[in-house]
Each structure stands twice: as structure tokens, then as C-alpha cells.
Amino acid sequence: MAVLAVLIPPLMLGVILLLGRYEDLVLPPRPPGTDLPESRLRSLGQ
């Protein structure tokens, strides 16, 4: 049981990091200028 308590958190972290990489590979690249938050875009009048 102690081994599971030690192994589960790093495994969960690895899964989260892999999902982030998977998302980067699957989603199409964003057009330039869209890296600002949506609220910031509204304040710029776009």
C-alpha cells in the first residue's frame, strides 16, 4: 500500500503532462495575435 501511495502522484502528473502534449499535437495552431486572453481582446476593441 505504501508503494501505491508513492507511485500514484507521479503517475498522475505524468498523465497530465502527456495530455498537454497530446492537446498541442491535436489542436490546429492558433493564428497570430490570439494569444491574448479574451477579456484583453475586448478591451483592445477587436
PDB file of N, CA and C in Angstrom:
ATOM      1  N   MET A   1       0.819  -1.203   0.000  1.00  0.00           N
ATOM      2  CA  MET A   1       0.000   0.000   0.000  1.00  0.00           C
ATOM      3  C   MET A   1       0.861   1.266   0.000  1.00  0.00           C
ATOM      4  N   ALA A   2       1.966   1.205   0.722  1.00  0.00           N
ATOM      5  CA  ALA A   2       2.846   2.375   0.759  1.00  0.00           C
ATOM      6  C   ALA A   2       3.450   2.644  -0.621  1.00  0.00           C
ATOM      7  N   VAL A   3       3.709   1.568  -1.351  1.00  0.00           N
ATOM      8  CA  VAL A   3       4.270   1.730  -2.695  1.00  0.00           C
ATOM      9  C   VAL A   3       3.257   2.438  -3.591  1.00  0.00           C
ATOM     10  N   LEU A   4       1.985   2.079  -3.485  1.00  0.00           N
ATOM     11  CA  LEU A   4       0.955   2.755  -4.271  1.00  0.00           C
ATOM     12  C   LEU A   4       0.860   4.226  -3.909  1.00  0.00           C
ATOM     13  N   ALA A   5       0.949   4.539  -2.629  1.00  0.00           N
ATOM     14  CA  ALA A   5       0.865   5.930  -2.193  1.00  0.00           C
ATOM     15  C   ALA A   5       2.017   6.755  -2.743  1.00  0.00           C
ATOM     16  N   VAL A   6       3.152   6.127  -2.976  1.00  0.00           N
ATOM     17  CA  VAL A   6       4.319   6.830  -3.518  1.00  0.00           C
ATOM     18  C   VAL A   6       4.247   6.919  -5.037  1.00  0.00           C
ATOM     19  N   LEU A   7       3.700   5.907  -5.695  1.00  0.00           N
ATOM     20  CA  LEU A   7       3.709   5.864  -7.152  1.00  0.00           C
ATOM     21  C   LEU A   7       2.560   6.633  -7.804  1.00  0.00           C
ATOM     22  N   ILE A   8       1.431   6.713  -7.161  1.00  0.00           N
ATOM     23  CA  ILE A   8       0.256   7.316  -7.806  1.00  0.00           C
ATOM     24  C   ILE A   8       0.448   8.802  -8.135  1.00  0.00           C
ATOM     25  N   PRO A   9       0.932   9.666  -7.247  1.00  0.00           N
ATOM     26  CA  PRO A   9       1.082  11.084  -7.615  1.00  0.00           C
ATOM     27  C   PRO A   9       1.996  11.331  -8.818  1.00  0.00           C
ATOM     28  N   PRO A  10       3.186  10.710  -8.911  1.00  0.00           N
ATOM     29  CA  PRO A  10       3.996  10.924 -10.119  1.00  0.00           C
ATOM     30  C   PRO A  10       3.324  10.400 -11.381  1.00  0.00           C
ATOM     31  N   LEU A  11       2.601   9.282 -11.269  1.00  0.00           N
ATOM     32  CA  LEU A  11       1.891   8.764 -12.435  1.00  0.00           C
ATOM     33  C   LEU A  11       0.799   9.728 -12.891  1.00  0.00           C
ATOM     34  N   MET A  12       0.081  10.302 -11.936  1.00  0.00           N
ATOM     35  CA  MET A  12      -0.966  11.269 -12.292  1.00  0.00           C
ATOM     36  C   MET A  12      -0.351  12.507 -12.946  1.00  0.00           C
ATOM     37  N   LEU A  13       0.768  12.969 -12.426  1.00  0.00           N
ATOM     38  CA  LEU A  13       1.451  14.114 -13.022  1.00  0.00           C
ATOM     39  C   LEU A  13       1.892  13.787 -14.443  1.00  0.00           C
ATOM     40  N   GLY A  14       2.416  12.601 -14.651  1.00  0.00           N
ATOM     41  CA  GLY A  14       2.828  12.194 -15.987  1.00  0.00           C
ATOM     42  C   GLY A  14       1.660  12.162 -16.959  1.00  0.00           C
ATOM     43  N   VAL A  15       0.515  11.671 -16.506  1.00  0.00           N
ATOM     44  CA  VAL A  15      -0.669  11.637 -17.365  1.00  0.00           C
ATOM     45  C   VAL A  15      -1.095  13.047 -17.738  1.00  0.00           C
ATOM     46  N   ILE A  16      -1.092  13.958 -16.780  1.00  0.00           N
ATOM     47  CA  ILE A  16      -1.490  15.346 -17.057  1.00  0.00           C
ATOM     48  C   ILE A  16      -0.530  15.982 -18.063  1.00  0.00           C
ATOM     49  N   LEU A  17       0.763  15.747 -17.901  1.00  0.00           N
ATOM     50  CA  LEU A  17       1.740  16.314 -18.832  1.00  0.00           C
ATOM     51  C   LEU A  17       1.584  15.719 -20.229  1.00  0.00           C
ATOM     52  N   LEU A  18       1.309  14.419 -20.301  1.00  0.00           N
ATOM     53  CA  LEU A  18       1.107  13.789 -21.605  1.00  0.00           C
ATOM     54  C   LEU A  18      -0.150  14.316 -22.293  1.00  0.00           C
ATOM     55  N   LEU A  19      -1.206  14.561 -21.528  1.00  0.00           N
ATOM     56  CA  LEU A  19      -2.423  15.119 -22.118  1.00  0.00           C
ATOM     57  C   LEU A  19      -2.169  16.514 -22.680  1.00  0.00           C
ATOM     58  N   GLY A  20      -1.346  17.294 -21.999  1.00  0.00           N
ATOM     59  CA  GLY A  20      -0.997  18.616 -22.509  1.00  0.00           C
ATOM     60  C   GLY A  20      -0.245  18.526 -23.821  1.00  0.00           C
ATOM     61  N   ARG A  21       0.687  17.584 -23.914  1.00  0.00           N
ATOM     62  CA  ARG A  21       1.421  17.380 -25.164  1.00  0.00           C
ATOM     63  C   ARG A  21       0.488  16.913 -26.266  1.00  0.00           C
ATOM     64  N   TYR A  22      -0.437  16.014 -25.920  1.00  0.00           N
ATOM     65  CA  TYR A  22      -1.390  15.494 -26.894  1.00  0.00           C
ATOM     66  C   TYR A  22      -2.264  16.625 -27.430  1.00  0.00           C
ATOM     67  N   GLU A  23      -2.674  17.510 -26.534  1.00  0.00           N
ATOM     68  CA  GLU A  23      -3.502  18.646 -26.947  1.00  0.00           C
ATOM     69  C   GLU A  23      -2.733  19.542 -27.918  1.00  0.00           C
ATOM     70  N   ASP A  24      -1.461  19.774 -27.651  1.00  0.00           N
ATOM     71  CA  ASP A  24      -0.651  20.596 -28.556  1.00  0.00           C
ATOM     72  C   ASP A  24      -0.532  19.961 -29.936  1.00  0.00           C
ATOM     73  N   LEU A  25      -0.465  18.638 -29.985  1.00  0.00           N
ATOM     74  CA  LEU A  25      -0.326  17.956 -31.267  1.00  0.00           C
ATOM     75  C   LEU A  25      -1.634  17.899 -32.044  1.00  0.00           C
ATOM     76  N   VAL A  26      -2.764  17.791 -31.342  1.00  0.00           N
ATOM     77  CA  VAL A  26      -4.051  17.574 -31.992  1.00  0.00           C
ATOM     78  C   VAL A  26      -4.685  18.885 -32.458  1.00  0.00           C
ATOM     79  N   LEU A  27      -4.598  19.918 -31.623  1.00  0.00           N
ATOM     80  CA  LEU A  27      -5.258  21.178 -31.972  1.00  0.00           C
ATOM     81  C   LEU A  27      -4.489  21.892 -33.082  1.00  0.00           C
ATOM     82  N   PRO A  28      -5.198  22.560 -33.993  1.00  0.00           N
ATOM     83  CA  PRO A  28      -4.503  23.330 -35.025  1.00  0.00           C
ATOM     84  C   PRO A  28      -3.818  24.537 -34.393  1.00  0.00           C
ATOM     85  N   PRO A  29      -2.751  25.027 -35.005  1.00  0.00           N
ATOM     86  CA  PRO A  29      -2.074  26.200 -34.438  1.00  0.00           C
ATOM     87  C   PRO A  29      -2.979  27.420 -34.467  1.00  0.00           C
ATOM     88  N   ARG A  30      -2.839  28.246 -33.446  1.00  0.00           N
ATOM     89  CA  ARG A  30      -3.648  29.462 -33.375  1.00  0.00           C
ATOM     90  C   ARG A  30      -3.058  30.532 -34.291  1.00  0.00           C
ATOM     91  N   PRO A  31      -3.924  31.332 -34.894  1.00  0.00           N
ATOM     92  CA  PRO A  31      -3.408  32.431 -35.712  1.00  0.00           C
ATOM     93  C   PRO A  31      -2.671  33.452 -34.842  1.00  0.00           C
ATOM     94  N   PRO A  32      -1.745  34.209 -35.423  1.00  0.00           N
ATOM     95  CA  PRO A  32      -1.003  35.195 -34.635  1.00  0.00           C
ATOM     96  C   PRO A  32      -1.947  36.235 -34.032  1.00  0.00           C
ATOM     97  N   GLY A  33      -1.620  36.656 -32.820  1.00  0.00           N
ATOM     98  CA  GLY A  33      -2.415  37.680 -32.160  1.00  0.00           C
ATOM     99  C   GLY A  33      -3.541  37.134 -31.316  1.00  0.00           C
ATOM    100  N   THR A  34      -3.723  35.840 -31.275  1.00  0.00           N
ATOM    101  CA  THR A  34      -4.793  35.270 -30.468  1.00  0.00           C
ATOM    102  C   THR A  34      -4.282  34.715 -29.149  1.00  0.00           C
ATOM    103  N   ASP A  35      -3.041  35.013 -28.793  1.00  0.00           N
ATOM    104  CA  ASP A  35      -2.519  34.513 -27.535  1.00  0.00           C
ATOM    105  C   ASP A  35      -2.879  35.416 -26.361  1.00  0.00           C
ATOM    106  N   LEU A  36      -3.613  36.502 -26.616  1.00  0.00           N
ATOM    107  CA  LEU A  36      -4.096  37.351 -25.538  1.00  0.00           C
ATOM    108  C   LEU A  36      -5.391  36.776 -24.979  1.00  0.00           C
ATOM    109  N   PRO A  37      -5.631  36.956 -23.686  1.00  0.00           N
ATOM    110  CA  PRO A  37      -6.903  36.496 -23.121  1.00  0.00           C
ATOM    111  C   PRO A  37      -8.078  37.217 -23.777  1.00  0.00           C
ATOM    112  N   GLU A  38      -9.243  36.590 -23.748  1.00  0.00           N
ATOM    113  CA  GLU A  38     -10.415  37.136 -24.425  1.00  0.00           C
ATOM    114  C   GLU A  38     -10.804  38.505 -23.863  1.00  0.00           C
ATOM    115  N   SER A  39     -10.706  38.682 -22.553  1.00  0.00           N
ATOM    116  CA  SER A  39     -11.066  39.973 -21.960  1.00  0.00           C
ATOM    117  C   SER A  39     -10.130  41.075 -22.451  1.00  0.00           C
ATOM    118  N   ARG A  40      -8.872  40.724 -22.662  1.00  0.00           N
ATOM    119  CA  ARG A  40      -7.900  41.700 -23.167  1.00  0.00           C
ATOM    120  C   ARG A  40      -8.227  42.078 -24.614  1.00  0.00           C
ATOM    121  N   LEU A  41      -8.683  41.101 -25.397  1.00  0.00           N
ATOM    122  CA  LEU A  41      -9.042  41.389 -26.775  1.00  0.00           C
ATOM    123  C   LEU A  41     -10.232  42.343 -26.825  1.00  0.00           C
ATOM    124  N   ARG A  42     -11.193  42.173 -25.926  1.00  0.00           N
ATOM    125  CA  ARG A  42     -12.352  43.071 -25.893  1.00  0.00           C
ATOM    126  C   ARG A  42     -11.915  44.494 -25.558  1.00  0.00           C
ATOM    127  N   SER A  43     -10.951  44.617 -24.646  1.00  0.00           N
ATOM    128  CA  SER A  43     -10.524  45.961 -24.243  1.00  0.00           C
ATOM    129  C   SER A  43      -9.747  46.637 -25.373  1.00  0.00           C
ATOM    130  N   LEU A  44      -9.180  45.860 -26.288  1.00  0.00           N
ATOM    131  CA  LEU A  44      -8.461  46.437 -27.424  1.00  0.00           C
ATOM    132  C   LEU A  44      -9.405  46.796 -28.572  1.00  0.00           C
ATOM    133  N   GLY A  45     -10.678  46.432 -28.428  1.00  0.00           N
ATOM    134  CA  GLY A  45     -11.656  46.768 -29.463  1.00  0.00           C
ATOM    135  C   GLY A  45     -11.661  45.816 -30.622  1.00  0.00           C
ATOM    136  N   GLN A  46     -11.218  44.617 -30.421  1.00  0.00           N
ATOM    137  CA  GLN A  46     -11.193  43.643 -31.528  1.00  0.00           C
ATOM    138  C   GLN A  46     -12.374  42.704 -31.407  1.00  0.00           C
TER     139      GLN A  46
END
